[in-house]
Amino acid sequence: MRIGELARITGASPRALRHYEREGLIASERAANGYRVYDAGTAVRVRNIRHLLTAGLTLADVRCFLACLDGDMTTAPPSAEGLRIARERIAAQTEARDRLARALDAVVPAG
């Protein structure tokens, strides 16, 4: 399938798909006319990438899940590595929220 069709069925923009490809998360072949051509399994992988990004992970985090991006990640039990990454991301986001709250408290009185 071409990039437009992959974008349509996954909800990812063509730009995002090209970015995922540059990052090594998905792959395509080139047709004789130079267009990218993806196999049908790429749609599952893209949906899983988007699922992880929506959950708050980064593309660097997603790279750690390469071995399981082609299956049904939404129902599979989490791996120890996946749990570790999720806990680290939660801790980082909590710390960022706390820093922002402290900064706001310093300039805006409560109430």
Protein backbone atom coordinates (compact mmCIF):
# COMPACT_ATOMS: atom_id res chain seq x y z
CA MET A 1 0.00 0.00 0.00
CA ARG A 2 1.16 3.55 -0.60
CA ILE A 3 1.77 6.12 2.11
CA GLY A 4 -1.59 7.86 1.65
CA GLU A 5 -3.53 4.66 2.20
CA LEU A 6 -1.41 3.73 5.23
CA ALA A 7 -2.04 7.20 6.65
CA ARG A 8 -5.78 6.89 6.05
CA ILE A 9 -6.18 3.50 7.73
CA THR A 10 -3.92 4.27 10.72
CA GLY A 11 -4.75 7.91 11.38
CA ALA A 12 -1.07 8.87 11.15
CA SER A 13 -0.08 11.68 8.83
CA PRO A 14 2.21 10.94 5.88
CA ARG A 15 4.77 13.20 7.55
CA ALA A 16 4.63 11.09 10.74
CA LEU A 17 5.01 7.91 8.69
CA ARG A 18 8.10 9.28 6.96
CA HIS A 19 9.46 10.23 10.40
CA TYR A 20 8.82 6.73 11.78
CA GLU A 21 10.65 5.35 8.77
CA ARG A 22 13.65 7.68 9.28
CA GLU A 23 13.72 6.53 12.90
CA GLY A 24 13.82 2.88 11.81
CA LEU A 25 10.44 1.98 13.29
CA ILE A 26 8.82 1.06 9.97
CA ALA A 27 10.18 0.18 6.55
CA SER A 28 9.04 0.54 2.96
CA GLU A 29 10.19 -0.46 -0.45
CA ARG A 30 10.25 1.83 -3.44
CA ALA A 31 8.05 1.27 -6.46
CA ALA A 32 9.45 1.89 -9.95
CA ASN A 33 7.98 5.41 -9.80
CA GLY A 34 9.79 6.13 -6.51
CA TYR A 35 6.70 5.95 -4.30
CA ARG A 36 6.99 4.28 -0.92
CA VAL A 37 5.16 0.95 -0.72
CA TYR A 38 4.34 -0.63 2.64
CA ASP A 39 3.19 -4.17 3.35
CA ALA A 40 -0.14 -4.73 5.10
CA GLY A 41 1.54 -5.59 8.43
CA THR A 42 2.92 -2.08 8.68
CA ALA A 43 -0.55 -0.81 9.62
CA VAL A 44 -0.51 -2.90 12.81
CA ARG A 45 2.95 -1.60 13.66
CA VAL A 46 1.91 2.03 13.08
CA ARG A 47 -1.21 1.62 15.24
CA ASN A 48 0.97 0.22 18.04
CA ILE A 49 3.46 3.07 17.69
CA ARG A 50 0.61 5.57 17.94
CA HIS A 51 -0.83 3.69 20.94
CA LEU A 52 2.49 4.00 22.78
CA LEU A 53 2.95 7.65 21.82
CA THR A 54 -0.58 8.44 23.00
CA ALA A 55 0.27 6.76 26.30
CA GLY A 56 3.03 9.34 26.75
CA LEU A 57 6.09 7.46 25.55
CA THR A 58 8.69 8.97 23.25
CA LEU A 59 9.95 7.50 19.98
CA ALA A 60 13.13 6.51 21.84
CA ASP A 61 10.94 4.60 24.31
CA VAL A 62 8.97 3.03 21.45
CA ARG A 63 12.21 1.72 19.96
CA CYS A 64 12.54 -0.54 23.02
CA PHE A 65 9.32 -2.26 21.95
CA LEU A 66 10.41 -3.15 18.39
CA ALA A 67 10.19 -6.87 19.09
CA CYS A 68 6.47 -6.66 19.90
CA LEU A 69 5.19 -3.85 17.66
CA ASP A 70 3.77 -6.29 15.13
CA GLY A 71 1.32 -7.99 17.53
CA ASP A 72 -1.71 -6.88 19.53
CA MET A 73 -0.06 -4.73 22.17
CA THR A 74 -3.35 -3.50 23.60
CA THR A 75 -4.26 -6.92 25.03
CA ALA A 76 -0.86 -8.53 25.59
CA PRO A 77 0.51 -8.58 29.14
CA PRO A 78 3.21 -5.95 29.66
CA SER A 79 6.84 -7.02 29.71
CA ALA A 80 9.20 -6.17 32.55
CA GLU A 81 11.00 -3.77 30.20
CA GLY A 82 7.71 -2.15 29.23
CA LEU A 83 6.74 -1.66 32.86
CA ARG A 84 10.16 -0.19 33.65
CA ILE A 85 9.89 2.30 30.80
CA ALA A 86 6.33 3.26 31.79
CA ARG A 87 7.34 3.81 35.41
CA GLU A 88 10.32 5.95 34.35
CA ARG A 89 8.08 8.03 32.07
CA ILE A 90 5.51 8.52 34.87
CA ALA A 91 8.27 9.60 37.27
CA ALA A 92 9.68 12.06 34.72
CA GLN A 93 6.26 13.54 33.99
CA THR A 94 5.46 13.81 37.70
CA GLU A 95 8.75 15.63 38.32
CA ALA A 96 8.04 18.02 35.43
CA ARG A 97 4.56 18.73 36.83
CA ASP A 98 6.01 19.35 40.29
CA ARG A 99 8.66 21.74 38.91
CA LEU A 100 5.99 23.68 37.04
CA ALA A 101 3.77 23.85 40.12
CA ARG A 102 6.69 25.16 42.21
CA ALA A 103 7.52 27.77 39.58
CA LEU A 104 3.90 28.94 39.45
CA ASP A 105 3.66 29.05 43.24
CA ALA A 106 6.73 31.29 43.29
CA VAL A 107 5.13 33.91 41.06
CA VAL A 108 1.38 33.52 41.67
CA PRO A 109 0.06 33.47 45.22
CA ALA A 110 -2.28 30.59 46.05
CA GLY A 111 -5.97 31.34 45.99
